[in-house]
All heavy atoms as atom14 arrays in JSON, in Angstrom:
{
  "sequence": "GPEGTGKTEMLYHLIARCIIPKSGGGLEVEVM",
  "atom14_mask": [
    [1, 1, 1, 1, 0, 0, 0, 0, 0, 0, 0, 0, 0, 0],
    [1, 1, 1, 1, 1, 1, 1, 0, 0, 0, 0, 0, 0, 0],
    [1, 1, 1, 1, 1, 1, 1, 1, 1, 0, 0, 0, 0, 0],
    [1, 1, 1, 1, 0, 0, 0, 0, 0, 0, 0, 0, 0, 0],
    [1, 1, 1, 1, 1, 1, 1, 0, 0, 0, 0, 0, 0, 0],
    [1, 1, 1, 1, 0, 0, 0, 0, 0, 0, 0, 0, 0, 0],
    [1, 1, 1, 1, 1, 1, 1, 1, 1, 0, 0, 0, 0, 0],
    [1, 1, 1, 1, 1, 1, 1, 0, 0, 0, 0, 0, 0, 0],
    [1, 1, 1, 1, 1, 1, 1, 1, 1, 0, 0, 0, 0, 0],
    [1, 1, 1, 1, 1, 1, 1, 1, 0, 0, 0, 0, 0, 0],
    [1, 1, 1, 1, 1, 1, 1, 1, 0, 0, 0, 0, 0, 0],
    [1, 1, 1, 1, 1, 1, 1, 1, 1, 1, 1, 1, 0, 0],
    [1, 1, 1, 1, 1, 1, 1, 1, 1, 1, 0, 0, 0, 0],
    [1, 1, 1, 1, 1, 1, 1, 1, 0, 0, 0, 0, 0, 0],
    [1, 1, 1, 1, 1, 1, 1, 1, 0, 0, 0, 0, 0, 0],
    [1, 1, 1, 1, 1, 0, 0, 0, 0, 0, 0, 0, 0, 0],
    [1, 1, 1, 1, 1, 1, 1, 1, 1, 1, 1, 0, 0, 0],
    [1, 1, 1, 1, 1, 1, 0, 0, 0, 0, 0, 0, 0, 0],
    [1, 1, 1, 1, 1, 1, 1, 1, 0, 0, 0, 0, 0, 0],
    [1, 1, 1, 1, 1, 1, 1, 1, 0, 0, 0, 0, 0, 0],
    [1, 1, 1, 1, 1, 1, 1, 0, 0, 0, 0, 0, 0, 0],
    [1, 1, 1, 1, 1, 1, 1, 1, 1, 0, 0, 0, 0, 0],
    [1, 1, 1, 1, 1, 1, 0, 0, 0, 0, 0, 0, 0, 0],
    [1, 1, 1, 1, 0, 0, 0, 0, 0, 0, 0, 0, 0, 0],
    [1, 1, 1, 1, 0, 0, 0, 0, 0, 0, 0, 0, 0, 0],
    [1, 1, 1, 1, 0, 0, 0, 0, 0, 0, 0, 0, 0, 0],
    [1, 1, 1, 1, 1, 1, 1, 1, 0, 0, 0, 0, 0, 0],
    [1, 1, 1, 1, 1, 1, 1, 1, 1, 0, 0, 0, 0, 0],
    [1, 1, 1, 1, 1, 1, 1, 0, 0, 0, 0, 0, 0, 0],
    [1, 1, 1, 1, 1, 1, 1, 1, 1, 0, 0, 0, 0, 0],
    [1, 1, 1, 1, 1, 1, 1, 0, 0, 0, 0, 0, 0, 0],
    [1, 1, 1, 1, 1, 1, 1, 1, 0, 0, 0, 0, 0, 0]
  ],
  "atom14_positions": [
    [[47.1, -154.12, 78.11], [47.66, -153.82, 79.31], [47.7, -152.31, 79.56], [47.62, -151.52, 78.55], [0.0, 0.0, 0.0], [0.0, 0.0, 0.0], [0.0, 0.0, 0.0], [0.0, 0.0, 0.0], [0.0, 0.0, 0.0], [0.0, 0.0, 0.0], [0.0, 0.0, 0.0], [0.0, 0.0, 0.0], [0.0, 0.0, 0.0], [0.0, 0.0, 0.0]],
    [[48.01, -151.87, 80.77], [48.09, -150.39, 80.92], [49.37, -149.83, 80.28], [50.25, -150.59, 79.86], [48.26, -150.27, 82.48], [47.95, -151.62, 83.02], [48.1, -152.59, 82.02], [0.0, 0.0, 0.0], [0.0, 0.0, 0.0], [0.0, 0.0, 0.0], [0.0, 0.0, 0.0], [0.0, 0.0, 0.0], [0.0, 0.0, 0.0], [0.0, 0.0, 0.0]],
    [[49.47, -148.47, 80.2], [50.58, -147.95, 79.57], [51.91, -148.18, 80.53], [51.8, -148.36, 81.66], [50.4, -146.37, 79.57], [51.25, -145.78, 78.49], [50.86, -144.28, 78.23], [49.71, -143.85, 78.69], [51.59, -143.44, 77.67], [0.0, 0.0, 0.0], [0.0, 0.0, 0.0], [0.0, 0.0, 0.0], [0.0, 0.0, 0.0], [0.0, 0.0, 0.0]],
    [[52.93, -148.46, 79.8], [54.21, -148.64, 80.46], [54.5, -150.12, 80.95], [55.13, -150.26, 82.01], [0.0, 0.0, 0.0], [0.0, 0.0, 0.0], [0.0, 0.0, 0.0], [0.0, 0.0, 0.0], [0.0, 0.0, 0.0], [0.0, 0.0, 0.0], [0.0, 0.0, 0.0], [0.0, 0.0, 0.0], [0.0, 0.0, 0.0], [0.0, 0.0, 0.0]],
    [[53.73, -151.08, 80.33], [53.96, -152.45, 80.78], [54.71, -153.25, 79.75], [54.73, -154.48, 79.76], [52.58, -153.07, 81.01], [51.69, -152.86, 79.86], [51.91, -152.6, 82.24], [0.0, 0.0, 0.0], [0.0, 0.0, 0.0], [0.0, 0.0, 0.0], [0.0, 0.0, 0.0], [0.0, 0.0, 0.0], [0.0, 0.0, 0.0], [0.0, 0.0, 0.0]],
    [[55.41, -152.56, 78.67], [56.23, -153.29, 77.71], [55.64, -153.76, 76.53], [56.3, -154.45, 75.67], [0.0, 0.0, 0.0], [0.0, 0.0, 0.0], [0.0, 0.0, 0.0], [0.0, 0.0, 0.0], [0.0, 0.0, 0.0], [0.0, 0.0, 0.0], [0.0, 0.0, 0.0], [0.0, 0.0, 0.0], [0.0, 0.0, 0.0], [0.0, 0.0, 0.0]],
    [[54.46, -153.31, 76.11], [53.8, -153.75, 74.93], [54.53, -153.24, 73.67], [54.77, -154.14, 72.88], [52.32, -153.27, 74.87], [51.45, -153.69, 75.98], [49.96, -153.26, 75.78], [49.71, -151.86, 75.69], [50.08, -151.13, 76.98], [0.0, 0.0, 0.0], [0.0, 0.0, 0.0], [0.0, 0.0, 0.0], [0.0, 0.0, 0.0], [0.0, 0.0, 0.0]],
    [[54.91, -152.04, 73.64], [55.56, -151.5, 72.52], [56.99, -152.01, 72.36], [57.48, -152.41, 71.22], [55.57, -149.99, 72.46], [54.21, -149.5, 72.44], [56.21, -149.44, 71.21], [0.0, 0.0, 0.0], [0.0, 0.0, 0.0], [0.0, 0.0, 0.0], [0.0, 0.0, 0.0], [0.0, 0.0, 0.0], [0.0, 0.0, 0.0], [0.0, 0.0, 0.0]],
    [[57.61, -152.17, 73.45], [59.07, -152.84, 73.49], [58.96, -154.27, 72.94], [59.79, -154.68, 72.17], [59.59, -152.86, 74.9], [60.27, -151.64, 75.44], [61.47, -151.31, 74.6], [62.16, -152.34, 74.1], [61.9, -150.09, 74.56], [0.0, 0.0, 0.0], [0.0, 0.0, 0.0], [0.0, 0.0, 0.0], [0.0, 0.0, 0.0], [0.0, 0.0, 0.0]],
    [[57.86, -154.98, 73.22], [57.67, -156.3, 72.79], [57.49, -156.34, 71.32], [57.94, -157.19, 70.46], [56.46, -157.09, 73.5], [56.35, -158.49, 73.08], [57.73, -159.53, 73.54], [57.36, -159.67, 75.27], [0.0, 0.0, 0.0], [0.0, 0.0, 0.0], [0.0, 0.0, 0.0], [0.0, 0.0, 0.0], [0.0, 0.0, 0.0], [0.0, 0.0, 0.0]],
    [[56.71, -155.26, 70.68], [56.6, -155.12, 69.27], [57.89, -154.86, 68.65], [58.18, -155.46, 67.53], [55.58, -153.94, 68.95], [54.14, -154.18, 69.38], [53.3, -152.97, 69.02], [53.54, -155.41, 68.72], [0.0, 0.0, 0.0], [0.0, 0.0, 0.0], [0.0, 0.0, 0.0], [0.0, 0.0, 0.0], [0.0, 0.0, 0.0], [0.0, 0.0, 0.0]],
    [[58.8, -153.98, 69.23], [60.14, -153.81, 68.62], [60.89, -155.15, 68.54], [61.55, -155.34, 67.55], [60.97, -152.77, 69.51], [60.37, -151.36, 69.46], [60.52, -150.53, 70.63], [59.84, -150.83, 68.39], [59.98, -149.25, 70.63], [59.33, -149.51, 68.37], [59.49, -148.76, 69.57], [59.05, -147.42, 69.57], [0.0, 0.0, 0.0], [0.0, 0.0, 0.0]],
    [[60.8, -155.87, 69.62], [61.34, -157.23, 69.68], [60.96, -158.09, 68.51], [61.77, -158.74, 67.85], [61.05, -157.86, 70.97], [61.5, -159.26, 71.12], [62.77, -159.67, 71.24], [60.81, -160.5, 71.27], [62.96, -160.93, 71.4], [61.76, -161.46, 71.36], [0.0, 0.0, 0.0], [0.0, 0.0, 0.0], [0.0, 0.0, 0.0], [0.0, 0.0, 0.0]],
    [[59.67, -158.18, 68.24], [59.13, -158.87, 67.22], [59.53, -158.38, 65.87], [59.82, -159.22, 64.97], [57.56, -159.01, 67.32], [56.99, -159.59, 68.55], [55.52, -159.63, 68.53], [57.55, -161.07, 68.78], [0.0, 0.0, 0.0], [0.0, 0.0, 0.0], [0.0, 0.0, 0.0], [0.0, 0.0, 0.0], [0.0, 0.0, 0.0], [0.0, 0.0, 0.0]],
    [[59.43, -157.06, 65.68], [59.89, -156.48, 64.4], [61.31, -156.86, 64.09], [61.69, -157.24, 63.03], [59.76, -154.89, 64.42], [58.24, -154.54, 64.53], [60.38, -154.28, 63.22], [58.12, -153.06, 64.83], [0.0, 0.0, 0.0], [0.0, 0.0, 0.0], [0.0, 0.0, 0.0], [0.0, 0.0, 0.0], [0.0, 0.0, 0.0], [0.0, 0.0, 0.0]],
    [[62.15, -156.75, 65.16], [63.67, -157.11, 64.94], [63.73, -158.56, 64.52], [64.45, -158.82, 63.61], [64.42, -156.79, 66.23], [0.0, 0.0, 0.0], [0.0, 0.0, 0.0], [0.0, 0.0, 0.0], [0.0, 0.0, 0.0], [0.0, 0.0, 0.0], [0.0, 0.0, 0.0], [0.0, 0.0, 0.0], [0.0, 0.0, 0.0], [0.0, 0.0, 0.0]],
    [[63.04, -159.42, 65.14], [63.04, -160.85, 64.75], [62.7, -161.05, 63.31], [63.18, -161.89, 62.69], [62.04, -161.67, 65.67], [62.42, -161.69, 67.08], [63.32, -162.95, 67.45], [62.82, -164.32, 66.98], [63.54, -165.09, 66.23], [64.75, -164.82, 65.8], [63.0, -166.27, 65.9], [0.0, 0.0, 0.0], [0.0, 0.0, 0.0], [0.0, 0.0, 0.0]],
    [[61.76, -160.31, 62.91], [61.2, -160.47, 61.51], [62.17, -159.91, 60.45], [62.46, -160.49, 59.41], [59.89, -159.67, 61.28], [58.53, -160.53, 62.0], [0.0, 0.0, 0.0], [0.0, 0.0, 0.0], [0.0, 0.0, 0.0], [0.0, 0.0, 0.0], [0.0, 0.0, 0.0], [0.0, 0.0, 0.0], [0.0, 0.0, 0.0], [0.0, 0.0, 0.0]],
    [[62.71, -158.65, 60.59], [63.51, -157.95, 59.68], [65.02, -158.32, 59.64], [65.61, -158.07, 58.61], [63.29, -156.33, 59.76], [63.84, -155.86, 61.0], [61.77, -156.08, 59.57], [63.66, -154.36, 61.11], [0.0, 0.0, 0.0], [0.0, 0.0, 0.0], [0.0, 0.0, 0.0], [0.0, 0.0, 0.0], [0.0, 0.0, 0.0], [0.0, 0.0, 0.0]],
    [[65.49, -158.95, 60.64], [66.88, -159.4, 60.65], [66.95, -160.56, 59.63], [66.1, -161.48, 59.61], [67.32, -159.79, 62.05], [67.65, -158.52, 62.85], [68.63, -160.63, 62.03], [67.85, -158.84, 64.32], [0.0, 0.0, 0.0], [0.0, 0.0, 0.0], [0.0, 0.0, 0.0], [0.0, 0.0, 0.0], [0.0, 0.0, 0.0], [0.0, 0.0, 0.0]],
    [[67.96, -160.66, 58.85], [68.16, -161.72, 57.8], [68.27, -163.07, 58.44], [68.65, -163.27, 59.66], [69.41, -161.36, 57.07], [70.12, -160.34, 57.84], [69.17, -159.75, 58.74], [0.0, 0.0, 0.0], [0.0, 0.0, 0.0], [0.0, 0.0, 0.0], [0.0, 0.0, 0.0], [0.0, 0.0, 0.0], [0.0, 0.0, 0.0], [0.0, 0.0, 0.0]],
    [[67.89, -164.13, 57.73], [68.02, -165.45, 58.15], [69.41, -165.88, 58.58], [69.68, -166.56, 59.61], [67.64, -166.5, 57.1], [66.09, -166.39, 56.88], [65.55, -167.38, 55.77], [64.14, -167.26, 55.6], [63.56, -167.95, 54.38], [0.0, 0.0, 0.0], [0.0, 0.0, 0.0], [0.0, 0.0, 0.0], [0.0, 0.0, 0.0], [0.0, 0.0, 0.0]],
    [[70.41, -165.34, 57.91], [71.79, -165.62, 58.25], [72.2, -164.97, 59.62], [73.13, -165.37, 60.23], [72.79, -164.85, 57.19], [72.49, -163.46, 57.1], [0.0, 0.0, 0.0], [0.0, 0.0, 0.0], [0.0, 0.0, 0.0], [0.0, 0.0, 0.0], [0.0, 0.0, 0.0], [0.0, 0.0, 0.0], [0.0, 0.0, 0.0], [0.0, 0.0, 0.0]],
    [[71.36, -164.04, 60.03], [71.64, -163.5, 61.34], [70.64, -164.0, 62.41], [70.59, -163.52, 63.58], [0.0, 0.0, 0.0], [0.0, 0.0, 0.0], [0.0, 0.0, 0.0], [0.0, 0.0, 0.0], [0.0, 0.0, 0.0], [0.0, 0.0, 0.0], [0.0, 0.0, 0.0], [0.0, 0.0, 0.0], [0.0, 0.0, 0.0], [0.0, 0.0, 0.0]],
    [[69.91, -165.12, 62.05], [68.97, -165.64, 63.06], [67.62, -165.05, 63.0], [66.8, -165.48, 63.85], [0.0, 0.0, 0.0], [0.0, 0.0, 0.0], [0.0, 0.0, 0.0], [0.0, 0.0, 0.0], [0.0, 0.0, 0.0], [0.0, 0.0, 0.0], [0.0, 0.0, 0.0], [0.0, 0.0, 0.0], [0.0, 0.0, 0.0], [0.0, 0.0, 0.0]],
    [[67.33, -164.24, 62.03], [65.98, -163.64, 61.97], [65.05, -164.43, 61.01], [65.46, -165.47, 60.46], [0.0, 0.0, 0.0], [0.0, 0.0, 0.0], [0.0, 0.0, 0.0], [0.0, 0.0, 0.0], [0.0, 0.0, 0.0], [0.0, 0.0, 0.0], [0.0, 0.0, 0.0], [0.0, 0.0, 0.0], [0.0, 0.0, 0.0], [0.0, 0.0, 0.0]],
    [[63.94, -163.88, 60.73], [62.98, -164.58, 59.85], [63.12, -163.94, 58.36], [62.62, -164.65, 57.39], [61.57, -164.44, 60.32], [61.31, -165.0, 61.71], [59.8, -164.76, 62.06], [61.54, -166.42, 61.74], [0.0, 0.0, 0.0], [0.0, 0.0, 0.0], [0.0, 0.0, 0.0], [0.0, 0.0, 0.0], [0.0, 0.0, 0.0], [0.0, 0.0, 0.0]],
    [[63.62, -162.84, 58.27], [63.83, -162.13, 57.01], [62.51, -161.97, 56.31], [62.3, -162.25, 55.03], [64.78, -162.92, 56.06], [65.48, -161.95, 55.05], [66.65, -162.75, 54.31], [67.35, -163.49, 54.91], [66.67, -162.55, 53.03], [0.0, 0.0, 0.0], [0.0, 0.0, 0.0], [0.0, 0.0, 0.0], [0.0, 0.0, 0.0], [0.0, 0.0, 0.0]],
    [[61.54, -161.42, 56.99], [60.16, -161.12, 56.33], [59.87, -159.64, 56.53], [60.51, -158.92, 57.4], [59.05, -161.94, 57.0], [59.32, -163.43, 56.69], [58.87, -161.79, 58.52], [0.0, 0.0, 0.0], [0.0, 0.0, 0.0], [0.0, 0.0, 0.0], [0.0, 0.0, 0.0], [0.0, 0.0, 0.0], [0.0, 0.0, 0.0], [0.0, 0.0, 0.0]],
    [[58.93, -159.13, 55.8], [58.56, -157.78, 55.88], [57.44, -157.54, 56.89], [56.58, -158.3, 57.12], [58.13, -157.26, 54.48], [59.32, -157.23, 53.52], [58.86, -156.76, 52.06], [57.76, -156.91, 51.69], [59.8, -156.34, 51.31], [0.0, 0.0, 0.0], [0.0, 0.0, 0.0], [0.0, 0.0, 0.0], [0.0, 0.0, 0.0], [0.0, 0.0, 0.0]],
    [[57.31, -156.3, 57.43], [56.45, -155.92, 58.42], [55.8, -154.61, 58.08], [56.46, -153.71, 57.7], [57.15, -155.81, 59.86], [56.14, -155.4, 60.88], [57.89, -157.13, 60.22], [0.0, 0.0, 0.0], [0.0, 0.0, 0.0], [0.0, 0.0, 0.0], [0.0, 0.0, 0.0], [0.0, 0.0, 0.0], [0.0, 0.0, 0.0], [0.0, 0.0, 0.0]],
    [[54.45, -154.51, 58.28], [53.81, -153.24, 58.12], [53.28, -152.81, 59.47], [52.67, -153.53, 60.21], [52.5, -153.46, 57.25], [51.46, -152.27, 57.27], [52.34, -150.79, 56.5], [52.32, -151.42, 54.82], [0.0, 0.0, 0.0], [0.0, 0.0, 0.0], [0.0, 0.0, 0.0], [0.0, 0.0, 0.0], [0.0, 0.0, 0.0], [0.0, 0.0, 0.0]]
  ]
}
């Protein structure tokens, strides 16, 4: 998509889902 359409924000969202612990509702996995 064009710049400014939320792609990087969506990546932050996915990173947060991954790195938050399972006890907090995340997946508790590592991201590169």
